C-alpha atoms as a PDB file:
ATOM      1  CA  UNK A   1      52.197 313.904 254.924  1.00  0.00           C
ATOM      2  CA  UNK A   2      55.516 315.559 254.079  1.00  0.00           C
ATOM      3  CA  UNK A   3      58.635 313.600 253.309  1.00  0.00           C
ATOM      4  CA  UNK A   4      61.637 314.198 255.561  1.00  0.00           C
ATOM      5  CA  UNK A   5      65.004 314.904 253.970  1.00  0.00           C
ATOM      6  CA  UNK A   6      67.215 311.869 253.284  1.00  0.00           C
ATOM      7  CA  UNK A   7      70.016 313.295 255.443  1.00  0.00           C
ATOM      8  CA  UNK A   8      67.531 313.639 258.332  1.00  0.00           C
ATOM      9  CA  UNK A   9      66.273 310.053 257.979  1.00  0.00           C
ATOM     10  CA  UNK A  10      69.652 308.395 257.289  1.00  0.00           C
ATOM     11  CA  UNK A  11      70.888 308.398 260.931  1.00  0.00           C
ATOM     12  CA  UNK A  12      67.647 306.752 262.052  1.00  0.00           C
ATOM     13  CA  UNK A  13      67.928 304.069 259.354  1.00  0.00           C
ATOM     14  CA  UNK A  14      71.528 303.126 260.114  1.00  0.00           C
ATOM     15  CA  UNK A  15      71.001 303.090 263.874  1.00  0.00           C
ATOM     16  CA  UNK A  16      68.266 300.472 263.934  1.00  0.00           C
ATOM     17  CA  UNK A  17      69.345 296.853 264.229  1.00  0.00           C
ATOM     18  CA  UNK A  18      67.531 295.800 261.052  1.00  0.00           C
ATOM     19  CA  UNK A  19      69.868 297.904 258.899  1.00  0.00           C
ATOM     20  CA  UNK A  20      73.002 297.339 260.987  1.00  0.00           C
ATOM     21  CA  UNK A  21      74.861 295.823 258.045  1.00  0.00           C
ATOM     22  CA  UNK A  22      74.830 299.060 256.058  1.00  0.00           C
ATOM     23  CA  UNK A  23      77.558 301.694 256.273  1.00  0.00           C
ATOM     24  CA  UNK A  24      76.480 305.072 254.863  1.00  0.00           C
ATOM     25  CA  UNK A  25      80.127 305.962 254.181  1.00  0.00           C
ATOM     26  CA  UNK A  26      80.218 303.179 251.564  1.00  0.00           C
ATOM     27  CA  UNK A  27      78.815 304.298 248.236  1.00  0.00           C
ATOM     28  CA  UNK A  28      76.797 301.144 247.479  1.00  0.00           C
ATOM     29  CA  UNK A  29      75.342 300.943 250.996  1.00  0.00           C
ATOM     30  CA  UNK A  30      74.377 304.624 250.854  1.00  0.00           C
ATOM     31  CA  UNK A  31      72.726 304.045 247.455  1.00  0.00           C
ATOM     32  CA  UNK A  32      70.693 301.143 248.878  1.00  0.00           C
ATOM     33  CA  UNK A  33      69.694 303.166 251.953  1.00  0.00           C
ATOM     34  CA  UNK A  34      68.541 305.944 249.612  1.00  0.00           C
ATOM     35  CA  UNK A  35      66.314 303.400 247.860  1.00  0.00           C
ATOM     36  CA  UNK A  36      64.857 302.419 251.244  1.00  0.00           C
ATOM     37  CA  UNK A  37      64.312 306.111 252.021  1.00  0.00           C
ATOM     38  CA  UNK A  38      62.559 306.584 248.675  1.00  0.00           C
ATOM     39  CA  UNK A  39      60.154 303.794 249.650  1.00  0.00           C
ATOM     40  CA  UNK A  40      59.250 304.846 253.186  1.00  0.00           C
ATOM     41  CA  UNK A  41      56.367 307.076 254.071  1.00  0.00           C
ATOM     42  CA  UNK A  42      55.872 309.086 257.237  1.00  0.00           C
ATOM     43  CA  UNK A  43      52.841 308.695 259.465  1.00  0.00           C
ATOM     44  CA  UNK A  44      51.863 310.669 262.529  1.00  0.00           C
ATOM     45  CA  UNK A  45      50.005 309.377 265.562  1.00  0.00           C
ATOM     46  CA  UNK A  46      48.632 311.418 268.437  1.00  0.00           C
ATOM     47  CA  UNK A  47      49.126 310.364 272.061  1.00  0.00           C
ATOM     48  CA  UNK A  48      46.713 307.525 272.830  1.00  0.00           C
ATOM     49  CA  UNK A  49      46.294 306.361 269.234  1.00  0.00           C
ATOM     50  CA  UNK A  50      46.943 302.716 268.392  1.00  0.00           C
ATOM     51  CA  UNK A  51      49.643 302.174 265.788  1.00  0.00           C
ATOM     52  CA  UNK A  52      49.397 298.375 265.696  1.00  0.00           C
ATOM     53  CA  UNK A  53      46.513 296.406 267.152  1.00  0.00           C
ATOM     54  CA  UNK A  54      47.201 292.869 268.376  1.00  0.00           C
ATOM     55  CA  UNK A  55      45.322 290.351 266.254  1.00  0.00           C
ATOM     56  CA  UNK A  56      45.035 292.568 263.186  1.00  0.00           C
ATOM     57  CA  UNK A  57      46.719 291.668 259.946  1.00  0.00           C
ATOM     58  CA  UNK A  58      49.168 294.194 258.559  1.00  0.00           C
ATOM     59  CA  UNK A  59      51.816 294.631 255.936  1.00  0.00           C
ATOM     60  CA  UNK A  60      53.677 297.606 257.381  1.00  0.00           C
ATOM     61  CA  UNK A  61      56.975 297.826 259.235  1.00  0.00           C
ATOM     62  CA  UNK A  62      57.524 300.849 261.502  1.00  0.00           C
ATOM     63  CA  UNK A  63      60.566 302.784 262.672  1.00  0.00           C
ATOM     64  CA  UNK A  64      59.889 305.157 265.544  1.00  0.00           C
ATOM     65  CA  UNK A  65      61.323 308.462 264.363  1.00  0.00           C
ATOM     66  CA  UNK A  66      60.080 310.578 267.267  1.00  0.00           C
ATOM     67  CA  UNK A  67      57.929 310.055 270.336  1.00  0.00           C
ATOM     68  CA  UNK A  68      57.195 307.315 272.862  1.00  0.00           C
ATOM     69  CA  UNK A  69      55.184 304.108 272.515  1.00  0.00           C
ATOM     70  CA  UNK A  70      53.664 301.536 274.862  1.00  0.00           C
ATOM     71  CA  UNK A  71      53.740 297.868 273.861  1.00  0.00           C
ATOM     72  CA  UNK A  72      51.254 295.445 275.382  1.00  0.00           C
ATOM     73  CA  UNK A  73      49.943 291.952 274.820  1.00  0.00           C
ATOM     74  CA  UNK A  74      46.659 290.365 275.808  1.00  0.00           C
ATOM     75  CA  UNK A  75      46.665 287.538 278.319  1.00  0.00           C
ATOM     76  CA  UNK A  76      44.519 284.450 277.771  1.00  0.00           C
ATOM     77  CA  UNK A  77      41.862 286.046 280.011  1.00  0.00           C
ATOM     78  CA  UNK A  78      41.881 289.195 277.866  1.00  0.00           C
ATOM     79  CA  UNK A  79      43.769 291.480 280.245  1.00  0.00           C
ATOM     80  CA  UNK A  80      46.406 293.810 278.816  1.00  0.00           C
ATOM     81  CA  UNK A  81      49.925 292.877 279.895  1.00  0.00           C
ATOM     82  CA  UNK A  82      52.385 295.783 279.630  1.00  0.00           C
ATOM     83  CA  UNK A  83      55.585 294.701 277.892  1.00  0.00           C
ATOM     84  CA  UNK A  84      57.528 297.947 277.472  1.00  0.00           C
ATOM     85  CA  UNK A  85      57.484 301.700 277.121  1.00  0.00           C
ATOM     86  CA  UNK A  86      60.002 302.774 274.491  1.00  0.00           C
ATOM     87  CA  UNK A  87      61.135 306.045 272.952  1.00  0.00           C
ATOM     88  CA  UNK A  88      62.809 307.159 269.751  1.00  0.00           C
ATOM     89  CA  UNK A  89      66.243 307.498 271.415  1.00  0.00           C
ATOM     90  CA  UNK A  90      66.292 303.684 271.657  1.00  0.00           C
ATOM     91  CA  UNK A  91      66.297 303.311 267.842  1.00  0.00           C
ATOM     92  CA  UNK A  92      63.360 300.949 267.921  1.00  0.00           C
ATOM     93  CA  UNK A  93      61.261 299.423 265.220  1.00  0.00           C
ATOM     94  CA  UNK A  94      58.247 297.157 265.290  1.00  0.00           C
ATOM     95  CA  UNK A  95      56.069 295.148 262.957  1.00  0.00           C
ATOM     96  CA  UNK A  96      59.083 293.665 261.174  1.00  0.00           C
ATOM     97  CA  UNK A  97      57.503 290.226 260.709  1.00  0.00           C
ATOM     98  CA  UNK A  98      54.911 291.896 258.459  1.00  0.00           C
ATOM     99  CA  UNK A  99      57.724 292.272 255.919  1.00  0.00           C
ATOM    100  CA  UNK A 100      57.951 288.513 255.452  1.00  0.00           C
ATOM    101  CA  UNK A 101      54.614 287.026 256.487  1.00  0.00           C
ATOM    102  CA  UNK A 102      50.908 287.702 256.572  1.00  0.00           C
ATOM    103  CA  UNK A 103      50.436 286.660 260.203  1.00  0.00           C
ATOM    104  CA  UNK A 104      48.402 288.466 262.806  1.00  0.00           C
ATOM    105  CA  UNK A 105      50.089 291.164 264.867  1.00  0.00           C
ATOM    106  CA  UNK A 106      51.362 289.701 268.141  1.00  0.00           C
ATOM    107  CA  UNK A 107      51.157 292.835 270.289  1.00  0.00           C
ATOM    108  CA  UNK A 108      49.527 296.238 270.472  1.00  0.00           C
ATOM    109  CA  UNK A 109      51.660 299.341 270.022  1.00  0.00           C
ATOM    110  CA  UNK A 110      50.092 302.609 271.164  1.00  0.00           C
ATOM    111  CA  UNK A 111      51.479 306.135 271.112  1.00  0.00           C
ATOM    112  CA  UNK A 112      52.275 307.487 274.584  1.00  0.00           C
ATOM    113  CA  UNK A 113      53.084 310.883 273.071  1.00  0.00           C
ATOM    114  CA  UNK A 114      52.672 312.351 269.624  1.00  0.00           C
ATOM    115  CA  UNK A 115      54.735 310.091 267.362  1.00  0.00           C
ATOM    116  CA  UNK A 116      56.250 310.206 263.928  1.00  0.00           C
ATOM    117  CA  UNK A 117      57.020 306.846 262.335  1.00  0.00           C
ATOM    118  CA  UNK A 118      58.724 305.803 259.145  1.00  0.00           C
ATOM    119  CA  UNK A 119      56.707 303.118 257.384  1.00  0.00           C
ATOM    120  CA  UNK A 120      57.874 300.519 254.867  1.00  0.00           C
ATOM    121  CA  UNK A 121      55.274 298.234 253.308  1.00  0.00           C
ATOM    122  CA  UNK A 122      55.814 294.568 252.486  1.00  0.00           C
ATOM    123  CA  UNK A 123      55.273 295.328 248.798  1.00  0.00           C
ATOM    124  CA  UNK A 124      58.020 297.981 248.817  1.00  0.00           C
ATOM    125  CA  UNK A 125      60.304 295.687 250.826  1.00  0.00           C
ATOM    126  CA  UNK A 126      59.776 292.872 248.303  1.00  0.00           C
ATOM    127  CA  UNK A 127      60.518 295.194 245.393  1.00  0.00           C
ATOM    128  CA  UNK A 128      63.717 296.456 247.011  1.00  0.00           C
ATOM    129  CA  UNK A 129      64.815 292.873 247.742  1.00  0.00           C
ATOM    130  CA  UNK A 130      64.170 291.815 244.148  1.00  0.00           C
ATOM    131  CA  UNK A 131      66.165 294.742 242.773  1.00  0.00           C
ATOM    132  CA  UNK A 132      68.854 294.791 245.479  1.00  0.00           C
ATOM    133  CA  UNK A 133      69.590 291.204 246.600  1.00  0.00           C
ATOM    134  CA  UNK A 134      72.348 292.414 248.964  1.00  0.00           C
ATOM    135  CA  UNK A 135      69.739 294.430 250.840  1.00  0.00           C
ATOM    136  CA  UNK A 136      67.427 291.425 251.088  1.00  0.00           C
ATOM    137  CA  UNK A 137      70.234 289.159 252.262  1.00  0.00           C
ATOM    138  CA  UNK A 138      71.467 291.520 254.969  1.00  0.00           C
ATOM    139  CA  UNK A 139      68.017 292.402 256.312  1.00  0.00           C
ATOM    140  CA  UNK A 140      66.666 288.853 256.220  1.00  0.00           C
ATOM    141  CA  UNK A 141      69.796 287.630 258.009  1.00  0.00           C
ATOM    142  CA  UNK A 142      69.104 290.087 260.854  1.00  0.00           C
ATOM    143  CA  UNK A 143      65.415 289.103 260.922  1.00  0.00           C
ATOM    144  CA  UNK A 144      66.321 285.416 261.061  1.00  0.00           C
ATOM    145  CA  UNK A 145      68.706 286.071 263.949  1.00  0.00           C
ATOM    146  CA  UNK A 146      66.044 288.012 265.865  1.00  0.00           C
ATOM    147  CA  UNK A 147      63.481 285.267 265.304  1.00  0.00           C
ATOM    148  CA  UNK A 148      65.980 282.622 266.359  1.00  0.00           C
ATOM    149  CA  UNK A 149      66.647 284.535 269.588  1.00  0.00           C
ATOM    150  CA  UNK A 150      62.911 284.855 270.197  1.00  0.00           C
ATOM    151  CA  UNK A 151      62.362 281.132 269.706  1.00  0.00           C
ATOM    152  CA  UNK A 152      65.282 280.338 272.029  1.00  0.00           C
ATOM    153  CA  UNK A 153      63.881 282.700 274.684  1.00  0.00           C
ATOM    154  CA  UNK A 154      60.352 281.297 274.391  1.00  0.00           C
ATOM    155  CA  UNK A 155      61.657 277.740 274.673  1.00  0.00           C
ATOM    156  CA  UNK A 156      63.649 278.683 277.780  1.00  0.00           C
ATOM    157  CA  UNK A 157      60.579 280.359 279.307  1.00  0.00           C
ATOM    158  CA  UNK A 158      58.480 277.265 278.560  1.00  0.00           C
ATOM    159  CA  UNK A 159      61.062 275.029 280.239  1.00  0.00           C
ATOM    160  CA  UNK A 160      61.102 277.254 283.344  1.00  0.00           C
ATOM    161  CA  UNK A 161      57.296 277.271 283.517  1.00  0.00           C
ATOM    162  CA  UNK A 162      57.116 273.518 282.978  1.00  0.00           C
ATOM    163  CA  UNK A 163      59.669 272.923 285.716  1.00  0.00           C
ATOM    164  CA  UNK A 164      57.817 275.248 288.122  1.00  0.00           C
ATOM    165  CA  UNK A 165      54.516 273.500 287.380  1.00  0.00           C
ATOM    166  CA  UNK A 166      56.116 270.074 287.797  1.00  0.00           C
ATOM    167  CA  UNK A 167      57.672 271.122 291.131  1.00  0.00           C
ATOM    168  CA  UNK A 168      54.335 272.518 292.326  1.00  0.00           C
ATOM    169  CA  UNK A 169      52.548 269.286 291.442  1.00  0.00           C
ATOM    170  CA  UNK A 170      55.311 267.216 293.094  1.00  0.00           C
ATOM    171  CA  UNK A 171      55.122 269.261 296.288  1.00  0.00           C
ATOM    172  CA  UNK A 172      51.348 268.936 296.544  1.00  0.00           C
ATOM    173  CA  UNK A 173      51.428 265.151 296.100  1.00  0.00           C
END
């Protein structure tokens, strides 16, 4: 598993939403991004391989460096529900909640093509945050915003479903 050059990885780091608060033209931000780079590893997955399996526990955060992935979630009856097909041009990442909690994975991510991912472990993330509080603040602020948006969206979806169910029951009465 070779390590990509910092200059090759830097554009991918600064283009993902999680690191949006860092400007590589600023010396301190570039220094912090270099520390992140020093702590990521590269993993390769062949088309069809599972990167994250829903229900498993994990402590790794992934940035899709190259390739395409399929994200799915199991329904209550056990069927796979396709959520999205994404590629590296979209500057995507997944597994970010593993950086801050030890919860089960909420979806399955499988490689649609051969993929290269940058991986940051929770342990490395914690160490960087302890040594670089600005990094921790900026990243956790983005994570909190994403989680807040997810909660808001889920609550809206629940309200729509509740209203539809209520209307269905009212109509059949």
